[in-house]
Amino acid sequence: MRLVLATHNAHKVEELRRILGPQLEGIELIGYDGPEPVEDGNTFAENALIKARAAALHTGLPAIADDSGICVDALDGAPGIHSARYAGTRDDRDNRRMLLENLAEESSRSAHFECAAALVVPPAVGSVGPDGPPELAVSFEHVETGIWPGTVLREEVGTHGFGYDPIFSPAGYSVSSAQLSPDEKNAISHRAIAFERLIVVVREQLLD
């Protein structure tokens, strides 16, 4: 059984393999190199489903995808679903710089990471290929979410992780998430929480 990781982000593929691999024995986790869909949903869950549906349609295989971002209370939840494109360049450093600038005068810096993880299973595994029908009639789809609370720091700290990790300090920690080891982060992050919940559903659909 093969399961597509519906992302072009190499950092995310590595992180998902670390989180999912040990818990999904008997399922091969494969990368995705197909077309990138337009993420025009209004929520993390909607965008996660858009990506998973696109990968399932392109490959004819079950696919999982996530959409995640940082939500800052002082900015009314921004950047939220626009986290990856916050600065308009899709560059992590630019996004972090812009967020720090927008919070420069703020004393309240509470925030959280949010992740929606989606599973989409085609009606008959392996039956829909890249030249298949223009729309995918799924037989099953499901979304789980995870929240990771914390605060936004005033400067970047740490070299691990990616995205906003160097300026995010998880609740209960005195370090940034970029100072956590990959294993430490993958045990407590928003993505870990969402996919830990989704793993139960993946097993039910693909292994049982």
N, C-alpha and C. Protein backbone atom coordinates (compact mmCIF):
# COMPACT_ATOMS: atom_id res chain seq x y z
N MET A 1 0.84 -1.19 0.00
CA MET A 1 0.00 0.00 0.00
C MET A 1 0.88 1.24 0.00
N ARG A 2 0.56 2.20 -0.89
CA ARG A 2 1.31 3.45 -0.97
C ARG A 2 0.41 4.63 -0.59
N LEU A 3 1.00 5.60 0.06
CA LEU A 3 0.29 6.78 0.52
C LEU A 3 1.09 8.00 0.09
N VAL A 4 0.44 8.92 -0.62
CA VAL A 4 1.13 10.10 -1.15
C VAL A 4 1.15 11.21 -0.11
N LEU A 5 2.34 11.80 0.09
CA LEU A 5 2.49 12.98 0.92
C LEU A 5 2.34 14.20 0.00
N ALA A 6 1.20 14.84 0.04
CA ALA A 6 0.86 15.86 -0.96
C ALA A 6 1.45 17.21 -0.62
N THR A 7 2.76 17.33 -0.77
CA THR A 7 3.44 18.60 -0.57
C THR A 7 4.70 18.65 -1.40
N HIS A 8 5.08 19.85 -1.85
CA HIS A 8 6.33 20.05 -2.56
C HIS A 8 7.41 20.59 -1.62
N ASN A 9 7.07 20.75 -0.36
CA ASN A 9 7.99 21.29 0.64
C ASN A 9 8.85 20.16 1.19
N ALA A 10 10.14 20.16 0.84
CA ALA A 10 11.04 19.08 1.26
C ALA A 10 11.16 18.99 2.77
N HIS A 11 11.14 20.14 3.46
CA HIS A 11 11.20 20.13 4.93
C HIS A 11 9.98 19.41 5.51
N LYS A 12 8.82 19.67 4.92
CA LYS A 12 7.59 19.07 5.42
C LYS A 12 7.56 17.57 5.14
N VAL A 13 8.06 17.16 3.97
CA VAL A 13 8.13 15.72 3.65
C VAL A 13 8.98 14.99 4.68
N GLU A 14 10.13 15.57 5.00
CA GLU A 14 11.02 14.95 5.99
C GLU A 14 10.35 14.86 7.35
N GLU A 15 9.67 15.95 7.74
CA GLU A 15 9.00 15.98 9.03
C GLU A 15 7.87 14.96 9.09
N LEU A 16 7.09 14.86 8.02
CA LEU A 16 5.99 13.90 8.00
C LEU A 16 6.49 12.47 8.04
N ARG A 17 7.57 12.19 7.35
CA ARG A 17 8.12 10.84 7.39
C ARG A 17 8.60 10.49 8.79
N ARG A 18 9.16 11.47 9.50
CA ARG A 18 9.58 11.23 10.88
C ARG A 18 8.38 10.95 11.78
N ILE A 19 7.30 11.71 11.56
CA ILE A 19 6.12 11.56 12.40
C ILE A 19 5.34 10.29 12.07
N LEU A 20 5.14 10.04 10.78
CA LEU A 20 4.23 8.98 10.35
C LEU A 20 4.88 7.62 10.17
N GLY A 21 6.12 7.63 9.66
CA GLY A 21 6.77 6.38 9.27
C GLY A 21 6.73 5.28 10.32
N PRO A 22 7.19 5.56 11.56
CA PRO A 22 7.22 4.51 12.58
C PRO A 22 5.85 3.95 12.95
N GLN A 23 4.79 4.71 12.64
CA GLN A 23 3.45 4.31 13.07
C GLN A 23 2.59 3.75 11.94
N LEU A 24 3.16 3.71 10.73
CA LEU A 24 2.39 3.21 9.60
C LEU A 24 3.15 2.10 8.88
N GLU A 25 3.55 1.10 9.62
CA GLU A 25 4.24 -0.04 9.02
C GLU A 25 3.31 -0.73 8.03
N GLY A 26 3.86 -1.07 6.87
CA GLY A 26 3.06 -1.69 5.82
C GLY A 26 2.56 -0.69 4.80
N ILE A 27 2.82 0.61 5.04
CA ILE A 27 2.42 1.65 4.10
C ILE A 27 3.66 2.40 3.65
N GLU A 28 3.87 2.49 2.35
CA GLU A 28 5.01 3.23 1.80
C GLU A 28 4.61 4.69 1.61
N LEU A 29 5.36 5.58 2.21
CA LEU A 29 5.08 7.01 2.10
C LEU A 29 5.88 7.57 0.93
N ILE A 30 5.20 8.05 -0.09
CA ILE A 30 5.90 8.52 -1.29
C ILE A 30 5.68 10.02 -1.47
N GLY A 31 6.67 10.67 -2.08
CA GLY A 31 6.59 12.10 -2.34
C GLY A 31 5.65 12.40 -3.50
N TYR A 32 5.38 13.67 -3.68
CA TYR A 32 4.44 14.12 -4.72
C TYR A 32 5.13 15.15 -5.61
N ASP A 33 5.12 14.89 -6.92
CA ASP A 33 5.74 15.84 -7.85
C ASP A 33 4.75 16.31 -8.91
N GLY A 34 3.47 16.18 -8.64
CA GLY A 34 2.44 16.59 -9.59
C GLY A 34 2.14 18.08 -9.49
N PRO A 35 1.13 18.52 -10.23
CA PRO A 35 0.77 19.95 -10.25
C PRO A 35 0.32 20.44 -8.88
N GLU A 36 0.66 21.68 -8.60
CA GLU A 36 0.29 22.29 -7.32
C GLU A 36 -1.05 22.99 -7.48
N PRO A 37 -2.06 22.63 -6.69
CA PRO A 37 -3.38 23.24 -6.86
C PRO A 37 -3.42 24.67 -6.32
N VAL A 38 -4.46 25.38 -6.69
CA VAL A 38 -4.69 26.72 -6.15
C VAL A 38 -5.33 26.57 -4.78
N GLU A 39 -4.66 27.06 -3.76
CA GLU A 39 -5.17 26.96 -2.40
C GLU A 39 -6.04 28.18 -2.12
N ASP A 40 -7.30 28.08 -2.49
CA ASP A 40 -8.20 29.22 -2.34
C ASP A 40 -9.27 28.99 -1.27
N GLY A 41 -8.99 28.09 -0.34
CA GLY A 41 -9.91 27.87 0.76
C GLY A 41 -9.84 29.00 1.78
N ASN A 42 -10.84 29.06 2.64
CA ASN A 42 -10.90 30.10 3.67
C ASN A 42 -10.43 29.61 5.03
N THR A 43 -10.11 28.31 5.13
CA THR A 43 -9.65 27.74 6.39
C THR A 43 -8.50 26.78 6.11
N PHE A 44 -7.77 26.44 7.16
CA PHE A 44 -6.70 25.45 7.03
C PHE A 44 -7.28 24.12 6.54
N ALA A 45 -8.44 23.73 7.06
CA ALA A 45 -9.05 22.46 6.68
C ALA A 45 -9.40 22.43 5.20
N GLU A 46 -9.97 23.52 4.70
CA GLU A 46 -10.34 23.57 3.28
C GLU A 46 -9.11 23.46 2.39
N ASN A 47 -8.03 24.15 2.75
CA ASN A 47 -6.82 24.09 1.93
C ASN A 47 -6.14 22.73 2.00
N ALA A 48 -6.17 22.09 3.16
CA ALA A 48 -5.60 20.75 3.28
C ALA A 48 -6.34 19.77 2.37
N LEU A 49 -7.66 19.87 2.34
CA LEU A 49 -8.45 18.99 1.48
C LEU A 49 -8.19 19.28 0.00
N ILE A 50 -8.02 20.54 -0.36
CA ILE A 50 -7.72 20.89 -1.76
C ILE A 50 -6.44 20.20 -2.20
N LYS A 51 -5.42 20.24 -1.37
CA LYS A 51 -4.13 19.63 -1.72
C LYS A 51 -4.21 18.11 -1.76
N ALA A 52 -4.90 17.51 -0.79
CA ALA A 52 -5.01 16.06 -0.77
C ALA A 52 -5.84 15.54 -1.95
N ARG A 53 -6.92 16.26 -2.29
CA ARG A 53 -7.74 15.86 -3.44
C ARG A 53 -6.94 15.93 -4.73
N ALA A 54 -6.14 16.99 -4.89
CA ALA A 54 -5.35 17.15 -6.11
C ALA A 54 -4.34 16.02 -6.26
N ALA A 55 -3.70 15.64 -5.18
CA ALA A 55 -2.70 14.57 -5.24
C ALA A 55 -3.35 13.22 -5.50
N ALA A 56 -4.52 12.99 -4.90
CA ALA A 56 -5.23 11.73 -5.13
C ALA A 56 -5.70 11.64 -6.58
N LEU A 57 -6.16 12.75 -7.12
CA LEU A 57 -6.59 12.77 -8.52
C LEU A 57 -5.42 12.50 -9.46
N HIS A 58 -4.28 13.13 -9.20
CA HIS A 58 -3.12 13.01 -10.08
C HIS A 58 -2.51 11.62 -10.04
N THR A 59 -2.49 10.99 -8.87
CA THR A 59 -1.78 9.72 -8.70
C THR A 59 -2.70 8.51 -8.68
N GLY A 60 -3.97 8.69 -8.35
CA GLY A 60 -4.86 7.56 -8.18
C GLY A 60 -4.63 6.82 -6.88
N LEU A 61 -3.88 7.43 -5.97
CA LEU A 61 -3.55 6.80 -4.70
C LEU A 61 -4.14 7.60 -3.54
N PRO A 62 -4.30 6.97 -2.39
CA PRO A 62 -4.69 7.74 -1.21
C PRO A 62 -3.64 8.82 -0.95
N ALA A 63 -4.08 9.96 -0.50
CA ALA A 63 -3.16 11.08 -0.28
C ALA A 63 -3.47 11.78 1.03
N ILE A 64 -2.42 12.26 1.67
CA ILE A 64 -2.60 13.08 2.85
C ILE A 64 -1.90 14.41 2.61
N ALA A 65 -2.45 15.44 3.18
CA ALA A 65 -1.88 16.78 3.05
C ALA A 65 -2.20 17.55 4.31
N ASP A 66 -1.43 18.60 4.53
CA ASP A 66 -1.75 19.46 5.64
C ASP A 66 -1.66 20.91 5.21
N ASP A 67 -2.35 21.75 5.92
CA ASP A 67 -2.19 23.19 5.76
C ASP A 67 -2.02 23.74 7.16
N SER A 68 -1.05 24.59 7.33
CA SER A 68 -0.75 25.06 8.67
C SER A 68 -0.21 26.48 8.62
N GLY A 69 -0.19 27.12 9.76
CA GLY A 69 0.33 28.47 9.84
C GLY A 69 0.31 28.97 11.27
N ILE A 70 0.81 30.18 11.42
CA ILE A 70 0.85 30.79 12.74
C ILE A 70 -0.25 31.85 12.83
N CYS A 71 -0.94 31.87 13.95
CA CYS A 71 -2.04 32.80 14.17
C CYS A 71 -1.70 33.65 15.40
N VAL A 72 -1.60 34.96 15.22
CA VAL A 72 -1.17 35.86 16.28
C VAL A 72 -2.37 36.65 16.80
N ASP A 73 -2.59 36.58 18.11
CA ASP A 73 -3.77 37.21 18.70
C ASP A 73 -3.80 38.72 18.46
N ALA A 74 -2.65 39.39 18.61
CA ALA A 74 -2.61 40.85 18.46
C ALA A 74 -2.88 41.30 17.03
N LEU A 75 -2.76 40.37 16.09
CA LEU A 75 -3.02 40.68 14.68
C LEU A 75 -4.32 40.06 14.20
N ASP A 76 -5.22 39.79 15.16
CA ASP A 76 -6.54 39.22 14.83
C ASP A 76 -6.42 37.89 14.08
N GLY A 77 -5.42 37.09 14.45
CA GLY A 77 -5.27 35.77 13.85
C GLY A 77 -4.37 35.72 12.64
N ALA A 78 -3.91 36.86 12.16
CA ALA A 78 -2.98 36.88 11.02
C ALA A 78 -1.60 36.39 11.49
N PRO A 79 -0.78 35.88 10.56
CA PRO A 79 -1.06 35.69 9.14
C PRO A 79 -1.97 34.51 8.81
N GLY A 80 -2.19 33.57 9.72
CA GLY A 80 -3.15 32.50 9.52
C GLY A 80 -2.90 31.70 8.25
N ILE A 81 -3.94 31.54 7.43
CA ILE A 81 -3.82 30.72 6.22
C ILE A 81 -2.89 31.34 5.19
N HIS A 82 -2.49 32.60 5.42
CA HIS A 82 -1.57 33.27 4.49
C HIS A 82 -0.12 33.22 4.99
N SER A 83 0.15 32.37 5.97
CA SER A 83 1.47 32.34 6.60
C SER A 83 2.61 32.13 5.61
N ALA A 84 2.44 31.21 4.67
CA ALA A 84 3.53 30.89 3.74
C ALA A 84 3.79 32.02 2.75
N ARG A 85 2.81 32.90 2.56
CA ARG A 85 2.95 33.98 1.58
C ARG A 85 2.83 35.35 2.24
N TYR A 86 3.06 35.42 3.52
CA TYR A 86 2.79 36.63 4.30
C TYR A 86 3.51 37.85 3.74
N ALA A 87 4.77 37.70 3.38
CA ALA A 87 5.55 38.83 2.87
C ALA A 87 5.45 38.97 1.36
N GLY A 88 4.75 38.05 0.70
CA GLY A 88 4.58 38.12 -0.74
C GLY A 88 5.70 37.50 -1.54
N THR A 89 6.68 36.89 -0.85
CA THR A 89 7.84 36.33 -1.56
C THR A 89 7.96 34.81 -1.41
N ARG A 90 7.17 34.24 -0.50
CA ARG A 90 7.26 32.80 -0.16
C ARG A 90 8.62 32.45 0.43
N ASP A 91 9.30 33.41 0.99
CA ASP A 91 10.60 33.20 1.62
C ASP A 91 10.42 33.24 3.14
N ASP A 92 10.86 32.19 3.82
CA ASP A 92 10.66 32.11 5.27
C ASP A 92 11.25 33.30 6.01
N ARG A 93 12.44 33.72 5.60
CA ARG A 93 13.10 34.83 6.29
C ARG A 93 12.31 36.12 6.13
N ASP A 94 11.78 36.35 4.93
CA ASP A 94 10.98 37.55 4.71
C ASP A 94 9.70 37.51 5.54
N ASN A 95 9.08 36.34 5.63
CA ASN A 95 7.86 36.21 6.42
C ASN A 95 8.12 36.50 7.89
N ARG A 96 9.22 35.95 8.42
CA ARG A 96 9.54 36.19 9.83
C ARG A 96 9.84 37.66 10.08
N ARG A 97 10.58 38.27 9.17
CA ARG A 97 10.93 39.67 9.32
C ARG A 97 9.68 40.55 9.33
N MET A 98 8.74 40.24 8.45
CA MET A 98 7.52 41.04 8.38
C MET A 98 6.69 40.88 9.64
N LEU A 99 6.60 39.67 10.15
CA LEU A 99 5.82 39.44 11.36
C LEU A 99 6.45 40.18 12.54
N LEU A 100 7.75 40.14 12.68
CA LEU A 100 8.41 40.85 13.77
C LEU A 100 8.20 42.36 13.64
N GLU A 101 8.24 42.87 12.43
CA GLU A 101 8.00 44.30 12.22
C GLU A 101 6.57 44.68 12.61
N ASN A 102 5.61 43.83 12.26
CA ASN A 102 4.21 44.13 12.56
C ASN A 102 3.89 44.01 14.05
N LEU A 103 4.76 43.33 14.78
CA LEU A 103 4.55 43.17 16.23
C LEU A 103 5.51 44.03 17.05
N ALA A 104 6.26 44.89 16.38
CA ALA A 104 7.31 45.64 17.06
C ALA A 104 6.80 46.44 18.25
N GLU A 105 5.61 47.01 18.15
CA GLU A 105 5.07 47.87 19.21
C GLU A 105 4.11 47.11 20.14
N GLU A 106 3.97 45.81 19.93
CA GLU A 106 3.00 45.03 20.70
C GLU A 106 3.66 44.40 21.93
N SER A 107 3.03 44.55 23.08
CA SER A 107 3.52 43.89 24.28
C SER A 107 2.91 42.50 24.43
N SER A 108 1.67 42.33 23.95
CA SER A 108 1.02 41.03 23.98
C SER A 108 1.42 40.25 22.72
N ARG A 109 2.08 39.11 22.91
CA ARG A 109 2.64 38.39 21.76
C ARG A 109 2.17 36.94 21.72
N SER A 110 1.02 36.68 22.33
CA SER A 110 0.49 35.31 22.32
C SER A 110 0.10 34.89 20.91
N ALA A 111 0.33 33.63 20.62
CA ALA A 111 0.07 33.10 19.27
C ALA A 111 -0.08 31.59 19.36
N HIS A 112 -0.48 31.00 18.26
CA HIS A 112 -0.47 29.54 18.20
C HIS A 112 -0.25 29.10 16.76
N PHE A 113 0.37 27.95 16.63
CA PHE A 113 0.43 27.28 15.34
C PHE A 113 -0.82 26.42 15.22
N GLU A 114 -1.38 26.37 14.03
CA GLU A 114 -2.52 25.50 13.76
C GLU A 114 -2.24 24.65 12.54
N CYS A 115 -2.64 23.39 12.59
CA CYS A 115 -2.45 22.48 11.47
C CYS A 115 -3.73 21.70 11.23
N ALA A 116 -4.13 21.62 9.97
CA ALA A 116 -5.23 20.74 9.56
C ALA A 116 -4.62 19.66 8.68
N ALA A 117 -4.85 18.41 9.02
CA ALA A 117 -4.31 17.27 8.27
C ALA A 117 -5.46 16.51 7.62
N ALA A 118 -5.35 16.29 6.31
CA ALA A 118 -6.45 15.68 5.56
C ALA A 118 -6.03 14.38 4.90
N LEU A 119 -6.94 13.44 4.87
CA LEU A 119 -6.78 12.18 4.13
C LEU A 119 -7.87 12.11 3.07
N VAL A 120 -7.48 11.81 1.82
CA VAL A 120 -8.44 11.60 0.74
C VAL A 120 -8.13 10.25 0.09
N VAL A 121 -9.14 9.40 0.00
CA VAL A 121 -8.99 8.08 -0.60
C VAL A 121 -9.84 8.02 -1.87
N PRO A 122 -9.22 7.71 -3.04
CA PRO A 122 -10.00 7.59 -4.28
C PRO A 122 -10.99 6.44 -4.19
N PRO A 123 -11.99 6.39 -5.07
CA PRO A 123 -13.01 5.35 -5.01
C PRO A 123 -12.46 3.95 -5.20
N ALA A 124 -11.42 3.83 -6.03
CA ALA A 124 -10.76 2.53 -6.19
C ALA A 124 -9.28 2.83 -6.27
N VAL A 125 -8.53 2.44 -5.26
CA VAL A 125 -7.12 2.78 -5.18
C VAL A 125 -6.40 2.33 -6.45
N GLY A 126 -5.69 3.24 -7.08
CA GLY A 126 -4.93 2.92 -8.29
C GLY A 126 -5.71 3.07 -9.57
N SER A 127 -7.00 3.48 -9.49
CA SER A 127 -7.83 3.50 -10.70
C SER A 127 -7.84 4.85 -11.40
N VAL A 128 -7.39 5.90 -10.74
CA VAL A 128 -7.43 7.23 -11.33
C VAL A 128 -6.00 7.71 -11.53
N GLY A 129 -5.62 7.91 -12.77
CA GLY A 129 -4.26 8.34 -13.08
C GLY A 129 -4.21 9.78 -13.51
N PRO A 130 -3.03 10.24 -13.95
CA PRO A 130 -2.88 11.63 -14.35
C PRO A 130 -3.74 12.03 -15.53
N ASP A 131 -4.16 11.05 -16.35
CA ASP A 131 -5.03 11.35 -17.49
C ASP A 131 -6.48 10.98 -17.21
N GLY A 132 -6.79 10.84 -15.95
CA GLY A 132 -8.12 10.41 -15.56
C GLY A 132 -9.14 11.53 -15.64
N PRO A 133 -10.29 11.34 -15.01
CA PRO A 133 -11.38 12.31 -15.10
C PRO A 133 -10.99 13.64 -14.47
N PRO A 134 -11.61 14.75 -14.92
CA PRO A 134 -11.23 16.06 -14.42
C PRO A 134 -11.60 16.29 -12.97
N GLU A 135 -12.52 15.51 -12.44
CA GLU A 135 -12.89 15.65 -11.04
C GLU A 135 -12.78 14.29 -10.37
N LEU A 136 -12.43 14.32 -9.10
CA LEU A 136 -12.24 13.09 -8.35
C LEU A 136 -13.44 12.82 -7.46
N ALA A 137 -14.12 11.70 -7.72
CA ALA A 137 -15.22 11.29 -6.85
C ALA A 137 -14.62 10.46 -5.72
N VAL A 138 -14.36 11.10 -4.61
CA VAL A 138 -13.68 10.41 -3.51
C VAL A 138 -14.62 9.43 -2.84
N SER A 139 -14.03 8.36 -2.31
CA SER A 139 -14.82 7.42 -1.54
C SER A 139 -14.76 7.77 -0.06
N PHE A 140 -13.72 8.54 0.32
CA PHE A 140 -13.58 8.89 1.74
C PHE A 140 -12.66 10.09 1.87
N GLU A 141 -13.02 11.02 2.76
CA GLU A 141 -12.11 12.09 3.12
C GLU A 141 -12.37 12.51 4.56
N HIS A 142 -11.29 12.94 5.21
CA HIS A 142 -11.38 13.23 6.64
C HIS A 142 -10.31 14.25 7.01
N VAL A 143 -10.61 15.12 7.97
CA VAL A 143 -9.67 16.15 8.43
C VAL A 143 -9.57 16.13 9.95
N GLU A 144 -8.34 16.24 10.45
CA GLU A 144 -8.09 16.42 11.88
C GLU A 144 -7.27 17.69 12.06
N THR A 145 -7.38 18.31 13.22
CA THR A 145 -6.63 19.54 13.49
C THR A 145 -5.78 19.43 14.75
N GLY A 146 -4.74 20.27 14.80
CA GLY A 146 -3.89 20.33 15.97
C GLY A 146 -3.51 21.78 16.25
N ILE A 147 -3.47 22.15 17.52
CA ILE A 147 -3.13 23.51 17.96
C ILE A 147 -1.90 23.43 18.87
N TRP A 148 -0.94 24.35 18.64
CA TRP A 148 0.29 24.41 19.45
C TRP A 148 0.44 25.85 19.96
N PRO A 149 0.06 26.12 21.21
CA PRO A 149 0.09 27.49 21.73
C PRO A 149 1.50 27.95 22.12
N GLY A 150 1.67 29.27 22.12
CA GLY A 150 2.96 29.82 22.52
C GLY A 150 2.98 31.33 22.37
N THR A 151 4.17 31.88 22.17
CA THR A 151 4.34 33.31 22.00
C THR A 151 5.34 33.59 20.88
N VAL A 152 5.24 34.80 20.33
CA VAL A 152 6.19 35.23 19.31
C VAL A 152 7.34 35.97 20.00
N LEU A 153 8.56 35.52 19.73
CA LEU A 153 9.74 36.17 20.31
C LEU A 153 10.03 37.49 19.61
N ARG A 154 10.99 38.25 20.14
CA ARG A 154 11.33 39.54 19.55
C ARG A 154 12.49 39.44 18.56
N GLU A 155 13.13 38.28 18.51
CA GLU A 155 14.20 38.07 17.54
C GLU A 155 14.34 36.58 17.26
N GLU A 156 15.01 36.25 16.19
CA GLU A 156 15.18 34.86 15.80
C GLU A 156 16.20 34.16 16.69
N VAL A 157 15.87 32.93 17.08
CA VAL A 157 16.77 32.12 17.90
C VAL A 157 16.67 30.68 17.43
N GLY A 158 17.83 30.02 17.24
CA GLY A 158 17.83 28.60 16.89
C GLY A 158 18.03 28.34 15.42
N THR A 159 18.45 27.12 15.13
CA THR A 159 18.79 26.76 13.75
C THR A 159 18.01 25.57 13.22
N HIS A 160 17.22 24.93 14.06
CA HIS A 160 16.42 23.79 13.60
C HIS A 160 15.09 24.28 13.03
N GLY A 161 14.34 23.34 12.46
CA GLY A 161 13.00 23.65 11.99
C GLY A 161 13.01 24.50 10.73
N PHE A 162 11.87 25.12 10.46
CA PHE A 162 11.71 25.96 9.28
C PHE A 162 10.53 26.89 9.51
N GLY A 163 10.20 27.71 8.51
CA GLY A 163 9.06 28.61 8.67
C GLY A 163 9.26 29.59 9.81
N TYR A 164 8.29 29.66 10.70
CA TYR A 164 8.32 30.61 11.81
C TYR A 164 8.96 30.03 13.07
N ASP A 165 9.52 28.84 13.00
CA ASP A 165 10.10 28.20 14.18
C ASP A 165 11.08 29.08 14.95
N PRO A 166 11.97 29.82 14.28
CA PRO A 166 12.96 30.60 15.04
C PRO A 166 12.38 31.75 15.87
N ILE A 167 11.13 32.14 15.63
CA ILE A 167 10.55 33.24 16.41
C ILE A 167 9.35 32.79 17.22
N PHE A 168 9.13 31.49 17.35
CA PHE A 168 7.99 30.97 18.11
C PHE A 168 8.50 30.19 19.31
N SER A 169 8.02 30.56 20.49
CA SER A 169 8.37 29.83 21.71
C SER A 169 7.13 29.09 22.21
N PRO A 170 7.17 27.74 22.22
CA PRO A 170 6.00 26.97 22.65
C PRO A 170 5.67 27.21 24.12
N ALA A 171 4.40 27.18 24.44
CA ALA A 171 3.97 27.33 25.83
C ALA A 171 4.65 26.30 26.71
N GLY A 172 5.17 26.75 27.85
CA GLY A 172 5.84 25.86 28.77
C GLY A 172 7.32 25.69 28.50
N TYR A 173 7.84 26.34 27.46
CA TYR A 173 9.25 26.25 27.11
C TYR A 173 9.89 27.63 27.16
N SER A 174 11.19 27.66 27.43
CA SER A 174 11.93 28.92 27.45
C SER A 174 12.83 29.05 26.24
N VAL A 175 12.58 28.26 25.22
CA VAL A 175 13.36 28.28 23.99
C VAL A 175 12.41 28.42 22.80
N SER A 176 12.99 28.69 21.63
CA SER A 176 12.18 28.72 20.41
C SER A 176 12.00 27.30 19.91
N SER A 177 11.02 27.09 19.03
CA SER A 177 10.84 25.75 18.47
C SER A 177 12.00 25.39 17.55
N ALA A 178 12.77 26.40 17.11
CA ALA A 178 13.96 26.13 16.30
C ALA A 178 15.14 25.68 17.14
N GLN A 179 15.00 25.75 18.46
CA GLN A 179 16.03 25.23 19.36
C GLN A 179 15.72 23.82 19.83
N LEU A 180 14.54 23.34 19.50
CA LEU A 180 14.19 21.95 19.81
C LEU A 180 14.80 21.04 18.75
N SER A 181 15.15 19.84 19.15
CA SER A 181 15.60 18.86 18.16
C SER A 181 14.40 18.42 17.33
N PRO A 182 14.63 17.87 16.13
CA PRO A 182 13.50 17.38 15.33
C PRO A 182 12.61 16.41 16.11
N ASP A 183 13.21 15.52 16.87
CA ASP A 183 12.41 14.55 17.64
C ASP A 183 11.58 15.24 18.71
N GLU A 184 12.18 16.25 19.38
CA GLU A 184 11.45 16.98 20.41
C GLU A 184 10.26 17.72 19.79
N LYS A 185 10.51 18.40 18.69
CA LYS A 185 9.43 19.14 18.04
C LYS A 185 8.34 18.20 17.55
N ASN A 186 8.72 17.10 16.93
CA ASN A 186 7.74 16.18 16.35
C ASN A 186 6.92 15.45 17.40
N ALA A 187 7.30 15.57 18.66
CA ALA A 187 6.51 14.95 19.73
C ALA A 187 5.41 15.87 20.24
N ILE A 188 5.51 17.20 19.97
CA ILE A 188 4.58 18.13 20.60
C ILE A 188 3.98 19.15 19.65
N SER A 189 4.41 19.20 18.40
CA SER A 189 3.99 20.28 17.50
C SER A 189 2.53 20.14 17.05
N HIS A 190 2.03 21.22 16.47
CA HIS A 190 0.69 21.24 15.90
C HIS A 190 0.54 20.16 14.83
N ARG A 191 1.58 19.99 14.01
CA ARG A 191 1.54 18.97 12.95
C ARG A 191 1.53 17.57 13.55
N ALA A 192 2.32 17.37 14.60
CA ALA A 192 2.34 16.07 15.27
C ALA A 192 0.98 15.73 15.86
N ILE A 193 0.35 16.73 16.48
CA ILE A 193 -0.97 16.50 17.10
C ILE A 193 -2.00 16.14 16.04
N ALA A 194 -2.03 16.92 14.94
CA ALA A 194 -3.03 16.67 13.89
C ALA A 194 -2.83 15.31 13.24
N PHE A 195 -1.58 14.97 12.91
CA PHE A 195 -1.34 13.71 12.23
C PHE A 195 -1.43 12.51 13.17
N GLU A 196 -1.16 12.71 14.45
CA GLU A 196 -1.36 11.63 15.42
C GLU A 196 -2.82 11.21 15.43
N ARG A 197 -3.71 12.20 15.32
CA ARG A 197 -5.14 11.91 15.26
C ARG A 197 -5.52 11.29 13.92
N LEU A 198 -4.90 11.78 12.84
CA LEU A 198 -5.24 11.28 11.52
C LEU A 198 -4.74 9.86 11.30
N ILE A 199 -3.63 9.49 11.95
CA ILE A 199 -3.06 8.16 11.79
C ILE A 199 -4.09 7.08 12.11
N VAL A 200 -4.90 7.32 13.12
CA VAL A 200 -5.93 6.35 13.51
C VAL A 200 -6.87 6.10 12.33
N VAL A 201 -7.25 7.18 11.64
CA VAL A 201 -8.17 7.08 10.52
C VAL A 201 -7.48 6.43 9.32
N VAL A 202 -6.22 6.77 9.08
CA VAL A 202 -5.47 6.16 7.98
C VAL A 202 -5.41 4.65 8.15
N ARG A 203 -5.12 4.20 9.37
CA ARG A 203 -5.06 2.75 9.63
C ARG A 203 -6.40 2.10 9.37
N GLU A 204 -7.47 2.73 9.82
CA GLU A 204 -8.80 2.18 9.64
C GLU A 204 -9.14 2.03 8.15
N GLN A 205 -8.76 3.03 7.36
CA GLN A 205 -9.13 3.05 5.94
C GLN A 205 -8.22 2.19 5.07
N LEU A 206 -6.94 2.11 5.40
CA LEU A 206 -5.98 1.47 4.50
C LEU A 206 -5.44 0.14 4.99
N LEU A 207 -5.52 -0.13 6.28
CA LEU A 207 -4.90 -1.35 6.81
C LEU A 207 -5.92 -2.34 7.35
N ASP A 208 -7.00 -1.86 7.93
CA ASP A 208 -7.96 -2.78 8.54
C ASP A 208 -8.84 -3.46 7.50
